[in-house]
Amino acid sequence: MTSSGGRAPVRRRTAVVALAGALALLTAAAGLSGCGLVSGSPMTDDVTPGTVGRGLPLKGAQLTVTSKEFTENLILGQIMGLVFEAAGATVVDRTNIQGTIGAREAVRTGAADGMYEYTGTGWITHLGHEKPITDAHEQWRAVRDEDRANGLVWLPQSSLNNTYALALNAANEKKYRLRTLSDLAALLKKDPGAVTLCLENEFVTRNDGLPGMARAYGMSIPAGNIRKMSAGVVYTQVDRGTACTFGEVFTTDGRIQAMGLTVLADDKRFFPNYNAAPEMNAATMRAYPQIAAVLAPVTRALDNTVARELNRKVDVDGEDPHEVAKDWLLRKGFIKEG
């Protein structure tokens, strides 16, 4: 779940979305040549159907999978590709696109056939809505229905909800005794210098990131208190607790437990639901409607516990995302080795 975009008043949403669409096309055009979309790597795993893909329903299909650049989405992209392989498809791996717009545009334009995207990202970042829908299923349904006009098909979502949070290390938790984002807002008013934030670049400008969170909690954060950096560096800096007291994390990240970080509760429920769901090119789904049945049991098995385990194997243990995805599918019996 990651892409930038400023929040606009509701009355300007249509114009903003139209502009965002035009910018997305330009961004994608530049990104497709620079993010591995001109040529991809074929998946060559010797895998066969387990509990999914029996009868090889995708035999003869040539499918391309994509993903964004962060660990969890990379793993999900590999999961999708491996399942397609086991179901008989020839699969090209074009995962690891920088930013959310490039990955989405790859699917929308047909440069890729599918990816796992997050419902909150679809609703707020791509479709330009101001407010999230609190009910997770209703959020997914609203995104599915509205995105049909963009040539995208959202298949049923997982219970994996990778939303944003702020966290601090054990020493700072002991020092400040904070439990919620409201506690953080109170500390900011009392002692602004105590609240330094390590944030991913996109979070600083996203509709569903820092600007919206600050408004929801009445925070006035001095610009000098914000350190922008890549997502991976945020975790190491928060763990050290010197460059920043608090850092942006994802709730399914395996490093939270490994580093002993404390996650602040979103007590005003500002952050949207970010349930992962297959986002597919509409033409691909018309050609291969059986994709829905192939992916459904795998998507149902994805939850936050699974995500934290798989993410930890990559981010903490240093394992390869492809092998982590494959091992999980084999252990679950979804696929078998040939």
C-alpha atoms as a PDB file:
ATOM      1  CA  MET A   1       0.000   0.000   0.000  1.00  0.00           C
ATOM      2  CA  THR A   2       1.958   2.942  -1.056  1.00  0.00           C
ATOM      3  CA  SER A   3       1.574   5.986  -3.269  1.00  0.00           C
ATOM      4  CA  SER A   4       1.481   9.712  -2.893  1.00  0.00           C
ATOM      5  CA  GLY A   5      -1.321  12.219  -3.294  1.00  0.00           C
ATOM      6  CA  GLY A   6      -2.549  15.293  -1.429  1.00  0.00           C
ATOM      7  CA  ARG A   7      -6.021  15.437   0.078  1.00  0.00           C
ATOM      8  CA  ALA A   8      -8.456  17.687  -1.778  1.00  0.00           C
ATOM      9  CA  PRO A   9     -11.841  19.090  -0.725  1.00  0.00           C
ATOM     10  CA  VAL A  10     -14.776  16.883  -1.731  1.00  0.00           C
ATOM     11  CA  ARG A  11     -16.133  19.453  -4.199  1.00  0.00           C
ATOM     12  CA  ARG A  12     -12.849  19.240  -6.111  1.00  0.00           C
ATOM     13  CA  ARG A  13     -12.613  15.438  -6.059  1.00  0.00           C
ATOM     14  CA  THR A  14     -13.729  14.885  -9.656  1.00  0.00           C
ATOM     15  CA  ALA A  15     -11.189  17.335 -11.028  1.00  0.00           C
ATOM     16  CA  VAL A  16      -8.464  15.955  -8.795  1.00  0.00           C
ATOM     17  CA  VAL A  17      -9.185  12.371  -9.825  1.00  0.00           C
ATOM     18  CA  ALA A  18      -9.131  13.351 -13.508  1.00  0.00           C
ATOM     19  CA  LEU A  19      -5.804  15.095 -13.040  1.00  0.00           C
ATOM     20  CA  ALA A  20      -4.473  12.159 -11.048  1.00  0.00           C
ATOM     21  CA  GLY A  21      -5.468   9.845 -13.889  1.00  0.00           C
ATOM     22  CA  ALA A  22      -3.585  11.926 -16.414  1.00  0.00           C
ATOM     23  CA  LEU A  23      -0.538  12.110 -14.186  1.00  0.00           C
ATOM     24  CA  ALA A  24      -0.759   8.373 -13.579  1.00  0.00           C
ATOM     25  CA  LEU A  25      -0.582   7.695 -17.287  1.00  0.00           C
ATOM     26  CA  LEU A  26       2.490   9.892 -17.620  1.00  0.00           C
ATOM     27  CA  THR A  27       4.087   8.314 -14.571  1.00  0.00           C
ATOM     28  CA  ALA A  28       3.323   4.842 -15.822  1.00  0.00           C
ATOM     29  CA  ALA A  29       4.727   5.592 -19.268  1.00  0.00           C
ATOM     30  CA  ALA A  30       7.978   6.645 -17.680  1.00  0.00           C
ATOM     31  CA  GLY A  31       7.889   3.880 -15.101  1.00  0.00           C
ATOM     32  CA  LEU A  32       7.161   1.004 -17.474  1.00  0.00           C
ATOM     33  CA  SER A  33      10.511   1.476 -19.181  1.00  0.00           C
ATOM     34  CA  GLY A  34      12.399   1.950 -15.936  1.00  0.00           C
ATOM     35  CA  CYS A  35      10.806  -0.644 -13.657  1.00  0.00           C
ATOM     36  CA  GLY A  36      11.303  -3.885 -15.522  1.00  0.00           C
ATOM     37  CA  LEU A  37       8.071  -3.814 -17.547  1.00  0.00           C
ATOM     38  CA  VAL A  38       9.673  -3.879 -20.978  1.00  0.00           C
ATOM     39  CA  SER A  39      10.946  -7.349 -20.260  1.00  0.00           C
ATOM     40  CA  GLY A  40      10.189  -9.652 -17.359  1.00  0.00           C
ATOM     41  CA  SER A  41      11.620 -12.822 -15.947  1.00  0.00           C
ATOM     42  CA  PRO A  42       9.739 -16.037 -16.691  1.00  0.00           C
ATOM     43  CA  MET A  43       8.820 -18.137 -13.683  1.00  0.00           C
ATOM     44  CA  THR A  44      10.299 -21.588 -14.173  1.00  0.00           C
ATOM     45  CA  ASP A  45       9.248 -23.441 -11.027  1.00  0.00           C
ATOM     46  CA  ASP A  46       8.440 -27.120 -11.324  1.00  0.00           C
ATOM     47  CA  VAL A  47       5.110 -26.899  -9.506  1.00  0.00           C
ATOM     48  CA  THR A  48       1.845 -28.777  -9.958  1.00  0.00           C
ATOM     49  CA  PRO A  49      -1.656 -28.418  -8.522  1.00  0.00           C
ATOM     50  CA  GLY A  50      -2.289 -29.204  -4.899  1.00  0.00           C
ATOM     51  CA  THR A  51      -5.686 -28.190  -3.608  1.00  0.00           C
ATOM     52  CA  VAL A  52      -5.813 -25.393  -6.204  1.00  0.00           C
ATOM     53  CA  GLY A  53      -5.347 -25.584  -9.966  1.00  0.00           C
ATOM     54  CA  ARG A  54      -6.586 -29.133 -10.377  1.00  0.00           C
ATOM     55  CA  GLY A  55      -7.321 -29.934 -13.989  1.00  0.00           C
ATOM     56  CA  LEU A  56      -4.924 -27.151 -15.070  1.00  0.00           C
ATOM     57  CA  PRO A  57      -7.659 -24.552 -15.696  1.00  0.00           C
ATOM     58  CA  LEU A  58      -5.092 -22.000 -16.881  1.00  0.00           C
ATOM     59  CA  LYS A  59      -3.246 -24.282 -19.295  1.00  0.00           C
ATOM     60  CA  GLY A  60      -2.204 -22.295 -22.359  1.00  0.00           C
ATOM     61  CA  ALA A  61      -2.614 -18.920 -20.634  1.00  0.00           C
ATOM     62  CA  GLN A  62       0.292 -16.470 -20.665  1.00  0.00           C
ATOM     63  CA  LEU A  63      -0.029 -14.269 -17.597  1.00  0.00           C
ATOM     64  CA  THR A  64       2.109 -11.508 -16.125  1.00  0.00           C
ATOM     65  CA  VAL A  65       2.067 -10.720 -12.416  1.00  0.00           C
ATOM     66  CA  THR A  66       3.277  -7.521 -10.827  1.00  0.00           C
ATOM     67  CA  SER A  67       3.690  -5.912  -7.410  1.00  0.00           C
ATOM     68  CA  LYS A  68       4.960  -2.841  -5.644  1.00  0.00           C
ATOM     69  CA  GLU A  69       8.465  -2.744  -4.207  1.00  0.00           C
ATOM     70  CA  PHE A  70       7.886  -3.471  -0.509  1.00  0.00           C
ATOM     71  CA  THR A  71       8.319  -6.902   1.047  1.00  0.00           C
ATOM     72  CA  GLU A  72       4.737  -7.957   1.651  1.00  0.00           C
ATOM     73  CA  ASN A  73       3.542  -6.963  -1.806  1.00  0.00           C
ATOM     74  CA  LEU A  74       6.524  -8.708  -3.378  1.00  0.00           C
ATOM     75  CA  ILE A  75       5.577 -11.901  -1.533  1.00  0.00           C
ATOM     76  CA  LEU A  76       1.948 -11.583  -2.585  1.00  0.00           C
ATOM     77  CA  GLY A  77       3.013 -11.103  -6.200  1.00  0.00           C
ATOM     78  CA  GLN A  78       5.082 -14.275  -6.001  1.00  0.00           C
ATOM     79  CA  ILE A  79       2.158 -16.154  -4.450  1.00  0.00           C
ATOM     80  CA  MET A  80      -0.095 -15.128  -7.333  1.00  0.00           C
ATOM     81  CA  GLY A  81       2.479 -16.121  -9.941  1.00  0.00           C
ATOM     82  CA  LEU A  82       3.185 -19.511  -8.370  1.00  0.00           C
ATOM     83  CA  VAL A  83      -0.505 -20.356  -8.148  1.00  0.00           C
ATOM     84  CA  PHE A  84      -0.966 -19.438 -11.812  1.00  0.00           C
ATOM     85  CA  GLU A  85       2.029 -21.635 -12.681  1.00  0.00           C
ATOM     86  CA  ALA A  86       0.613 -24.600 -10.799  1.00  0.00           C
ATOM     87  CA  ALA A  87      -2.714 -24.117 -12.602  1.00  0.00           C
ATOM     88  CA  GLY A  88      -0.963 -24.486 -15.956  1.00  0.00           C
ATOM     89  CA  ALA A  89      -0.174 -20.928 -17.017  1.00  0.00           C
ATOM     90  CA  THR A  90       3.091 -19.607 -18.406  1.00  0.00           C
ATOM     91  CA  VAL A  91       3.959 -16.768 -16.036  1.00  0.00           C
ATOM     92  CA  VAL A  92       6.145 -13.695 -16.395  1.00  0.00           C
ATOM     93  CA  ASP A  93       7.366 -12.076 -13.178  1.00  0.00           C
ATOM     94  CA  ARG A  94       7.296  -8.281 -13.390  1.00  0.00           C
ATOM     95  CA  THR A  95       7.097  -7.596  -9.674  1.00  0.00           C
ATOM     96  CA  ASN A  96       8.958  -4.896  -7.752  1.00  0.00           C
ATOM     97  CA  ILE A  97       7.615  -1.741  -9.415  1.00  0.00           C
ATOM     98  CA  GLN A  98       8.430   1.428  -7.494  1.00  0.00           C
ATOM     99  CA  GLY A  99       5.333   3.138  -6.131  1.00  0.00           C
ATOM    100  CA  THR A 100       1.680   2.274  -6.287  1.00  0.00           C
ATOM    101  CA  ILE A 101       0.708   4.190  -9.431  1.00  0.00           C
ATOM    102  CA  GLY A 102       3.116   2.345 -11.703  1.00  0.00           C
ATOM    103  CA  ALA A 103       1.968  -1.071 -10.501  1.00  0.00           C
ATOM    104  CA  ARG A 104      -1.718  -0.206 -10.845  1.00  0.00           C
ATOM    105  CA  GLU A 105      -1.229   1.291 -14.292  1.00  0.00           C
ATOM    106  CA  ALA A 106       0.588  -1.848 -15.403  1.00  0.00           C
ATOM    107  CA  VAL A 107      -2.524  -3.868 -14.551  1.00  0.00           C
ATOM    108  CA  ARG A 108      -4.987  -1.296 -15.873  1.00  0.00           C
ATOM    109  CA  THR A 109      -3.253  -0.951 -19.243  1.00  0.00           C
ATOM    110  CA  GLY A 110      -2.616  -4.682 -19.663  1.00  0.00           C
ATOM    111  CA  ALA A 111       1.170  -4.504 -19.289  1.00  0.00           C
ATOM    112  CA  ALA A 112       0.489  -6.915 -16.409  1.00  0.00           C
ATOM    113  CA  ASP A 113      -2.524  -9.109 -15.721  1.00  0.00           C
ATOM    114  CA  GLY A 114      -2.813  -8.877 -11.965  1.00  0.00           C
ATOM    115  CA  MET A 115      -1.442  -8.027  -8.551  1.00  0.00           C
ATOM    116  CA  TYR A 116      -2.536  -7.924  -4.925  1.00  0.00           C
ATOM    117  CA  GLU A 117      -3.643  -4.398  -4.068  1.00  0.00           C
ATOM    118  CA  TYR A 118      -5.082  -2.929  -0.867  1.00  0.00           C
ATOM    119  CA  THR A 119      -8.677  -1.729  -0.597  1.00  0.00           C
ATOM    120  CA  GLY A 120      -7.791   1.457   1.289  1.00  0.00           C
ATOM    121  CA  THR A 121      -5.243   2.379  -1.358  1.00  0.00           C
ATOM    122  CA  GLY A 122      -7.796   1.799  -4.089  1.00  0.00           C
ATOM    123  CA  TRP A 123     -10.496   3.833  -2.372  1.00  0.00           C
ATOM    124  CA  ILE A 124      -8.463   6.841  -1.245  1.00  0.00           C
ATOM    125  CA  THR A 125      -5.316   7.044  -3.349  1.00  0.00           C
ATOM    126  CA  HIS A 126      -6.588   5.839  -6.711  1.00  0.00           C
ATOM    127  CA  LEU A 127     -10.284   6.693  -6.596  1.00  0.00           C
ATOM    128  CA  GLY A 128      -9.745   9.936  -4.698  1.00  0.00           C
ATOM    129  CA  HIS A 129     -12.225   9.607  -1.848  1.00  0.00           C
ATOM    130  CA  GLU A 130     -11.827  11.717   1.277  1.00  0.00           C
ATOM    131  CA  LYS A 131     -13.067   9.285   3.912  1.00  0.00           C
ATOM    132  CA  PRO A 132     -12.534   5.544   4.303  1.00  0.00           C
ATOM    133  CA  ILE A 133     -15.452   3.182   4.793  1.00  0.00           C
ATOM    134  CA  THR A 134     -15.264   1.694   8.275  1.00  0.00           C
ATOM    135  CA  ASP A 135     -16.707  -1.723   7.436  1.00  0.00           C
ATOM    136  CA  ALA A 136     -14.008  -3.765   5.676  1.00  0.00           C
ATOM    137  CA  HIS A 137     -16.381  -5.669   3.381  1.00  0.00           C
ATOM    138  CA  GLU A 138     -18.257  -2.530   2.384  1.00  0.00           C
ATOM    139  CA  GLN A 139     -14.915  -0.847   1.662  1.00  0.00           C
ATOM    140  CA  TRP A 140     -13.961  -3.690  -0.688  1.00  0.00           C
ATOM    141  CA  ARG A 141     -17.359  -3.708  -2.380  1.00  0.00           C
ATOM    142  CA  ALA A 142     -17.275   0.050  -2.981  1.00  0.00           C
ATOM    143  CA  VAL A 143     -13.803  -0.179  -4.555  1.00  0.00           C
ATOM    144  CA  ARG A 144     -14.830  -3.173  -6.677  1.00  0.00           C
ATOM    145  CA  ASP A 145     -17.920  -1.429  -7.994  1.00  0.00           C
ATOM    146  CA  GLU A 146     -16.292   1.924  -8.774  1.00  0.00           C
ATOM    147  CA  ASP A 147     -13.115   0.521 -10.309  1.00  0.00           C
ATOM    148  CA  ARG A 148     -15.042  -1.455 -12.947  1.00  0.00           C
ATOM    149  CA  ALA A 149     -15.167   1.749 -14.973  1.00  0.00           C
ATOM    150  CA  ASN A 150     -11.343   1.786 -14.987  1.00  0.00           C
ATOM    151  CA  GLY A 151     -11.062  -1.686 -16.509  1.00  0.00           C
ATOM    152  CA  LEU A 152     -10.111  -3.330 -13.206  1.00  0.00           C
ATOM    153  CA  VAL A 153     -11.684  -6.314 -11.476  1.00  0.00           C
ATOM    154  CA  TRP A 154     -11.299  -6.714  -7.711  1.00  0.00           C
ATOM    155  CA  LEU A 155     -11.691 -10.327  -6.614  1.00  0.00           C
ATOM    156  CA  PRO A 156     -12.780 -11.121  -3.014  1.00  0.00           C
ATOM    157  CA  GLN A 157     -10.453  -9.740  -0.366  1.00  0.00           C
ATOM    158  CA  SER A 158      -8.386 -11.434   2.318  1.00  0.00           C
ATOM    159  CA  SER A 159      -8.550 -10.684   6.037  1.00  0.00           C
ATOM    160  CA  LEU A 160      -4.930  -9.490   5.777  1.00  0.00           C
ATOM    161  CA  ASN A 161      -5.250  -5.827   6.771  1.00  0.00           C
ATOM    162  CA  ASN A 162      -1.931  -4.048   6.347  1.00  0.00           C
ATOM    163  CA  THR A 163      -2.771  -0.613   7.623  1.00  0.00           C
ATOM    164  CA  TYR A 164      -0.519   2.145   8.916  1.00  0.00           C
ATOM    165  CA  ALA A 165       0.554   2.704  12.507  1.00  0.00           C
ATOM    166  CA  LEU A 166       3.136   4.620  14.519  1.00  0.00           C
ATOM    167  CA  ALA A 167       5.505   2.724  16.802  1.00  0.00           C
ATOM    168  CA  LEU A 168       8.298   3.368  19.300  1.00  0.00           C
ATOM    169  CA  ASN A 169      11.016   1.254  20.857  1.00  0.00           C
ATOM    170  CA  ALA A 170      10.959  -0.242  24.349  1.00  0.00           C
ATOM    171  CA  ALA A 171      13.118   2.467  25.926  1.00  0.00           C
ATOM    172  CA  ASN A 172      10.948   5.299  24.609  1.00  0.00           C
ATOM    173  CA  GLU A 173       7.774   3.432  25.516  1.00  0.00           C
ATOM    174  CA  LYS A 174       9.032   3.178  29.092  1.00  0.00           C
ATOM    175  CA  LYS A 175       9.957   6.867  29.083  1.00  0.00           C
ATOM    176  CA  TYR A 176       6.719   8.277  27.632  1.00  0.00           C
ATOM    177  CA  ARG A 177       4.138   5.576  28.515  1.00  0.00           C
ATOM    178  CA  LEU A 178       2.021   6.152  25.419  1.00  0.00           C
ATOM    179  CA  ARG A 179      -0.652   3.747  24.218  1.00  0.00           C
ATOM    180  CA  THR A 180      -2.658   5.622  21.581  1.00  0.00           C
ATOM    181  CA  LEU A 181      -2.309   8.269  18.910  1.00  0.00           C
ATOM    182  CA  SER A 182      -4.371  10.555  21.151  1.00  0.00           C
ATOM    183  CA  ASP A 183      -1.637  10.132  23.781  1.00  0.00           C
ATOM    184  CA  LEU A 184       0.895  11.139  21.138  1.00  0.00           C
ATOM    185  CA  ALA A 185      -1.138  14.244  20.267  1.00  0.00           C
ATOM    186  CA  ALA A 186      -1.182  15.213  23.946  1.00  0.00           C
ATOM    187  CA  LEU A 187       2.596  14.749  24.220  1.00  0.00           C
ATOM    188  CA  LEU A 188       3.083  16.894  21.112  1.00  0.00           C
ATOM    189  CA  LYS A 189       1.195  19.777  22.729  1.00  0.00           C
ATOM    190  CA  LYS A 190       3.038  19.378  26.015  1.00  0.00           C
ATOM    191  CA  ASP A 191       6.553  18.797  24.646  1.00  0.00           C
ATOM    192  CA  PRO A 192       6.864  19.269  20.855  1.00  0.00           C
ATOM    193  CA  GLY A 193      10.551  18.444  20.874  1.00  0.00           C
ATOM    194  CA  ALA A 194       9.832  14.942  22.166  1.00  0.00           C
ATOM    195  CA  VAL A 195       7.867  14.015  19.054  1.00  0.00           C
ATOM    196  CA  THR A 196      10.261  13.326  16.208  1.00  0.00           C
ATOM    197  CA  LEU A 197       8.980  11.152  13.380  1.00  0.00           C
ATOM    198  CA  CYS A 198      10.730   8.853  10.905  1.00  0.00           C
ATOM    199  CA  LEU A 199       8.396   8.485   7.947  1.00  0.00           C
ATOM    200  CA  GLU A 200       8.436   6.907   4.514  1.00  0.00           C
ATOM    201  CA  ASN A 201       8.497   9.534   1.775  1.00  0.00           C
ATOM    202  CA  GLU A 202       5.002   8.754   0.479  1.00  0.00           C
ATOM    203  CA  PHE A 203       3.371   8.738   3.921  1.00  0.00           C
ATOM    204  CA  VAL A 204       4.263  12.411   4.331  1.00  0.00           C
ATOM    205  CA  THR A 205       1.970  13.410   1.450  1.00  0.00           C
ATOM    206  CA  ARG A 206      -0.645  10.644   1.155  1.00  0.00           C
ATOM    207  CA  ASN A 207      -4.321  11.425   1.713  1.00  0.00           C
ATOM    208  CA  ASP A 208      -4.419   8.567   4.189  1.00  0.00           C
ATOM    209  CA  GLY A 209      -1.034   9.372   5.743  1.00  0.00           C
ATOM    210  CA  LEU A 210       0.476  12.148   7.820  1.00  0.00           C
ATOM    211  CA  PRO A 211      -1.681  15.128   6.694  1.00  0.00           C
ATOM    212  CA  GLY A 212      -4.956  13.341   7.393  1.00  0.00           C
ATOM    213  CA  MET A 213      -3.721  11.787  10.638  1.00  0.00           C
ATOM    214  CA  ALA A 214      -2.556  15.179  11.900  1.00  0.00           C
ATOM    215  CA  ARG A 215      -5.965  16.700  11.181  1.00  0.00           C
ATOM    216  CA  ALA A 216      -7.871  13.829  12.747  1.00  0.00           C
ATOM    217  CA  TYR A 217      -5.884  14.037  15.988  1.00  0.00           C
ATOM    218  CA  GLY A 218      -5.374  17.790  16.084  1.00  0.00           C
ATOM    219  CA  MET A 219      -1.617  17.518  15.700  1.00  0.00           C
ATOM    220  CA  SER A 220       0.536  20.459  14.664  1.00  0.00           C
ATOM    221  CA  ILE A 221       3.873  18.858  13.848  1.00  0.00           C
ATOM    222  CA  PRO A 222       6.857  21.172  13.188  1.00  0.00           C
ATOM    223  CA  ALA A 223       8.451  20.427   9.821  1.00  0.00           C
ATOM    224  CA  GLY A 224      11.816  20.068  11.532  1.00  0.00           C
ATOM    225  CA  ASN A 225      10.480  17.121  13.557  1.00  0.00           C
ATOM    226  CA  ILE A 226       9.918  14.998  10.431  1.00  0.00           C
ATOM    227  CA  ARG A 227      12.660  12.829   8.932  1.00  0.00           C
ATOM    228  CA  LYS A 228      11.826  11.324   5.517  1.00  0.00           C
ATOM    229  CA  MET A 229      13.452   8.049   4.489  1.00  0.00           C
ATOM    230  CA  SER A 230      12.808   4.690   2.872  1.00  0.00           C
ATOM    231  CA  ALA A 231      10.533   2.230   4.657  1.00  0.00           C
ATOM    232  CA  GLY A 232      13.318  -0.164   5.641  1.00  0.00           C
ATOM    233  CA  VAL A 233      15.403   2.577   7.238  1.00  0.00           C
ATOM    234  CA  VAL A 234      12.413   3.727   9.311  1.00  0.00           C
ATOM    235  CA  TYR A 235      12.439   0.464  11.278  1.00  0.00           C
ATOM    236  CA  THR A 236      16.157   0.565  12.062  1.00  0.00           C
ATOM    237  CA  GLN A 237      15.954   4.216  13.137  1.00  0.00           C
ATOM    238  CA  VAL A 238      12.928   3.661  15.381  1.00  0.00           C
ATOM    239  CA  ASP A 239      14.636   0.620  16.874  1.00  0.00           C
ATOM    240  CA  ARG A 240      17.671   2.783  17.732  1.00  0.00           C
ATOM    241  CA  GLY A 241      15.446   5.603  18.994  1.00  0.00           C
ATOM    242  CA  THR A 242      17.973   8.380  18.413  1.00  0.00           C
ATOM    243  CA  ALA A 243      17.091   9.979  15.055  1.00  0.00           C
ATOM    244  CA  CYS A 244      13.403   9.737  15.871  1.00  0.00           C
ATOM    245  CA  THR A 245      11.147   8.748  18.733  1.00  0.00           C
ATOM    246  CA  PHE A 246       8.298   7.450  16.589  1.00  0.00           C
ATOM    247  CA  GLY A 247       8.183   5.811  13.207  1.00  0.00           C
ATOM    248  CA  GLU A 248       5.640   4.784  10.611  1.00  0.00           C
ATOM    249  CA  VAL A 249       5.150   1.025  10.458  1.00  0.00           C
ATOM    250  CA  PHE A 250       2.802  -1.414   8.766  1.00  0.00           C
ATOM    251  CA  THR A 251       0.700  -3.539  11.095  1.00  0.00           C
ATOM    252  CA  THR A 252       1.630  -6.798   9.359  1.00  0.00           C
ATOM    253  CA  ASP A 253       5.388  -6.191   9.384  1.00  0.00           C
ATOM    254  CA  GLY A 254       7.413  -8.980  10.964  1.00  0.00           C
ATOM    255  CA  ARG A 255      10.013  -6.528  12.293  1.00  0.00           C
ATOM    256  CA  ILE A 256       7.603  -5.105  14.892  1.00  0.00           C
ATOM    257  CA  GLN A 257       7.775  -8.221  17.039  1.00  0.00           C
ATOM    258  CA  ALA A 258      11.402  -8.977  16.197  1.00  0.00           C
ATOM    259  CA  MET A 259      12.476  -5.493  17.375  1.00  0.00           C
ATOM    260  CA  GLY A 260      10.127  -5.355  20.355  1.00  0.00           C
ATOM    261  CA  LEU A 261       8.381  -2.219  19.128  1.00  0.00           C
ATOM    262  CA  THR A 262       5.172  -0.885  20.676  1.00  0.00           C
ATOM    263  CA  VAL A 263       2.441   0.062  18.204  1.00  0.00           C
ATOM    264  CA  LEU A 264       0.210   2.995  19.160  1.00  0.00           C
ATOM    265  CA  ALA A 265      -3.500   2.263  18.863  1.00  0.00           C
ATOM    266  CA  ASP A 266      -5.443   4.271  16.293  1.00  0.00           C
ATOM    267  CA  ASP A 267      -8.136   5.116  18.844  1.00  0.00           C
ATOM    268  CA  LYS A 268     -10.040   7.437  16.471  1.00  0.00           C
ATOM    269  CA  ARG A 269      -9.942   4.826  13.699  1.00  0.00           C
ATOM    270  CA  PHE A 270      -8.443   7.234  11.212  1.00  0.00           C
ATOM    271  CA  PHE A 271      -6.432   4.806   9.112  1.00  0.00           C
ATOM    272  CA  PRO A 272      -8.467   2.958   6.478  1.00  0.00           C
ATOM    273  CA  ASN A 273      -8.861  -0.773   6.061  1.00  0.00           C
ATOM    274  CA  TYR A 274      -6.097  -2.052   3.801  1.00  0.00           C
ATOM    275  CA  ASN A 275      -7.274  -5.556   3.034  1.00  0.00           C
ATOM    276  CA  ALA A 276      -5.247  -7.248   0.309  1.00  0.00           C
ATOM    277  CA  ALA A 277      -7.260  -8.448  -2.692  1.00  0.00           C
ATOM    278  CA  PRO A 278      -6.426  -9.562  -6.229  1.00  0.00           C
ATOM    279  CA  GLU A 279      -6.718  -6.611  -8.625  1.00  0.00           C
ATOM    280  CA  MET A 280      -6.987  -7.975 -12.165  1.00  0.00           C
ATOM    281  CA  ASN A 281      -7.120  -6.547 -15.668  1.00  0.00           C
ATOM    282  CA  ALA A 282     -10.737  -6.793 -16.886  1.00  0.00           C
ATOM    283  CA  ALA A 283      -9.782  -8.173 -20.314  1.00  0.00           C
ATOM    284  CA  THR A 284      -7.715 -10.884 -18.645  1.00  0.00           C
ATOM    285  CA  MET A 285     -10.687 -11.887 -16.497  1.00  0.00           C
ATOM    286  CA  ARG A 286     -12.949 -12.071 -19.550  1.00  0.00           C
ATOM    287  CA  ALA A 287     -10.425 -14.365 -21.238  1.00  0.00           C
ATOM    288  CA  TYR A 288      -9.732 -16.457 -18.138  1.00  0.00           C
ATOM    289  CA  PRO A 289     -12.639 -16.197 -15.664  1.00  0.00           C
ATOM    290  CA  GLN A 290     -11.341 -19.345 -13.963  1.00  0.00           C
ATOM    291  CA  ILE A 291      -8.677 -17.152 -12.322  1.00  0.00           C
ATOM    292  CA  ALA A 292     -11.245 -16.241  -9.669  1.00  0.00           C
ATOM    293  CA  ALA A 293     -11.661 -19.844  -8.511  1.00  0.00           C
ATOM    294  CA  VAL A 294      -7.909 -20.471  -8.648  1.00  0.00           C
ATOM    295  CA  LEU A 295      -7.082 -17.529  -6.372  1.00  0.00           C
ATOM    296  CA  ALA A 296     -10.065 -17.675  -3.989  1.00  0.00           C
ATOM    297  CA  PRO A 297      -8.839 -20.312  -1.466  1.00  0.00           C
ATOM    298  CA  VAL A 298      -5.347 -18.815  -1.377  1.00  0.00           C
ATOM    299  CA  THR A 299      -6.673 -15.319  -0.714  1.00  0.00           C
ATOM    300  CA  ARG A 300      -8.955 -16.652   2.046  1.00  0.00           C
ATOM    301  CA  ALA A 301      -5.920 -18.152   3.797  1.00  0.00           C
ATOM    302  CA  LEU A 302      -4.084 -14.823   3.999  1.00  0.00           C
ATOM    303  CA  ASP A 303      -4.373 -12.995   7.308  1.00  0.00           C
ATOM    304  CA  ASN A 304      -2.228 -10.772   9.519  1.00  0.00           C
ATOM    305  CA  THR A 305      -0.592 -13.715  11.290  1.00  0.00           C
ATOM    306  CA  VAL A 306       0.461 -15.253   7.988  1.00  0.00           C
ATOM    307  CA  ALA A 307       1.689 -11.888   6.707  1.00  0.00           C
ATOM    308  CA  ARG A 308       3.815 -11.203   9.791  1.00  0.00           C
ATOM    309  CA  GLU A 309       5.396 -14.660   9.525  1.00  0.00           C
ATOM    310  CA  LEU A 310       6.200 -14.341   5.832  1.00  0.00           C
ATOM    311  CA  ASN A 311       7.380 -10.740   6.121  1.00  0.00           C
ATOM    312  CA  ARG A 312       9.655 -11.657   9.037  1.00  0.00           C
ATOM    313  CA  LYS A 313      11.304 -14.400   7.004  1.00  0.00           C
ATOM    314  CA  VAL A 314      12.308 -11.851   4.384  1.00  0.00           C
ATOM    315  CA  ASP A 315      12.988  -8.717   6.439  1.00  0.00           C
ATOM    316  CA  VAL A 316      14.511 -10.327   9.534  1.00  0.00           C
ATOM    317  CA  ASP A 317      15.841 -13.708   8.391  1.00  0.00           C
ATOM    318  CA  GLY A 318      16.980 -12.514   4.961  1.00  0.00           C
ATOM    319  CA  GLU A 319      15.148 -15.133   2.910  1.00  0.00           C
ATOM    320  CA  ASP A 320      14.114 -14.637  -0.725  1.00  0.00           C
ATOM    321  CA  PRO A 321      10.485 -13.501  -1.258  1.00  0.00           C
ATOM    322  CA  HIS A 322       9.932 -16.058  -4.014  1.00  0.00           C
ATOM    323  CA  GLU A 323      11.118 -18.943  -1.867  1.00  0.00           C
ATOM    324  CA  VAL A 324       9.129 -17.714   1.133  1.00  0.00           C
ATOM    325  CA  ALA A 325       5.964 -17.580  -0.981  1.00  0.00           C
ATOM    326  CA  LYS A 326       6.636 -21.002  -2.474  1.00  0.00           C
ATOM    327  CA  ASP A 327       7.346 -22.605   0.884  1.00  0.00           C
ATOM    328  CA  TRP A 328       4.072 -21.275   2.335  1.00  0.00           C
ATOM    329  CA  LEU A 329       2.025 -22.524  -0.634  1.00  0.00           C
ATOM    330  CA  LEU A 330       3.669 -25.946  -0.370  1.00  0.00           C
ATOM    331  CA  ARG A 331       3.111 -26.158   3.406  1.00  0.00           C
ATOM    332  CA  LYS A 332      -0.541 -25.221   2.976  1.00  0.00           C
ATOM    333  CA  GLY A 333      -0.927 -27.841   0.266  1.00  0.00           C
ATOM    334  CA  PHE A 334      -2.105 -25.328  -2.328  1.00  0.00           C
ATOM    335  CA  ILE A 335       0.614 -26.429  -4.752  1.00  0.00           C
ATOM    336  CA  LYS A 336       3.013 -29.363  -5.003  1.00  0.00           C
ATOM    337  CA  GLU A 337       6.501 -29.698  -6.386  1.00  0.00           C
ATOM    338  CA  GLY A 338       6.562 -31.581  -9.686  1.00  0.00           C
END
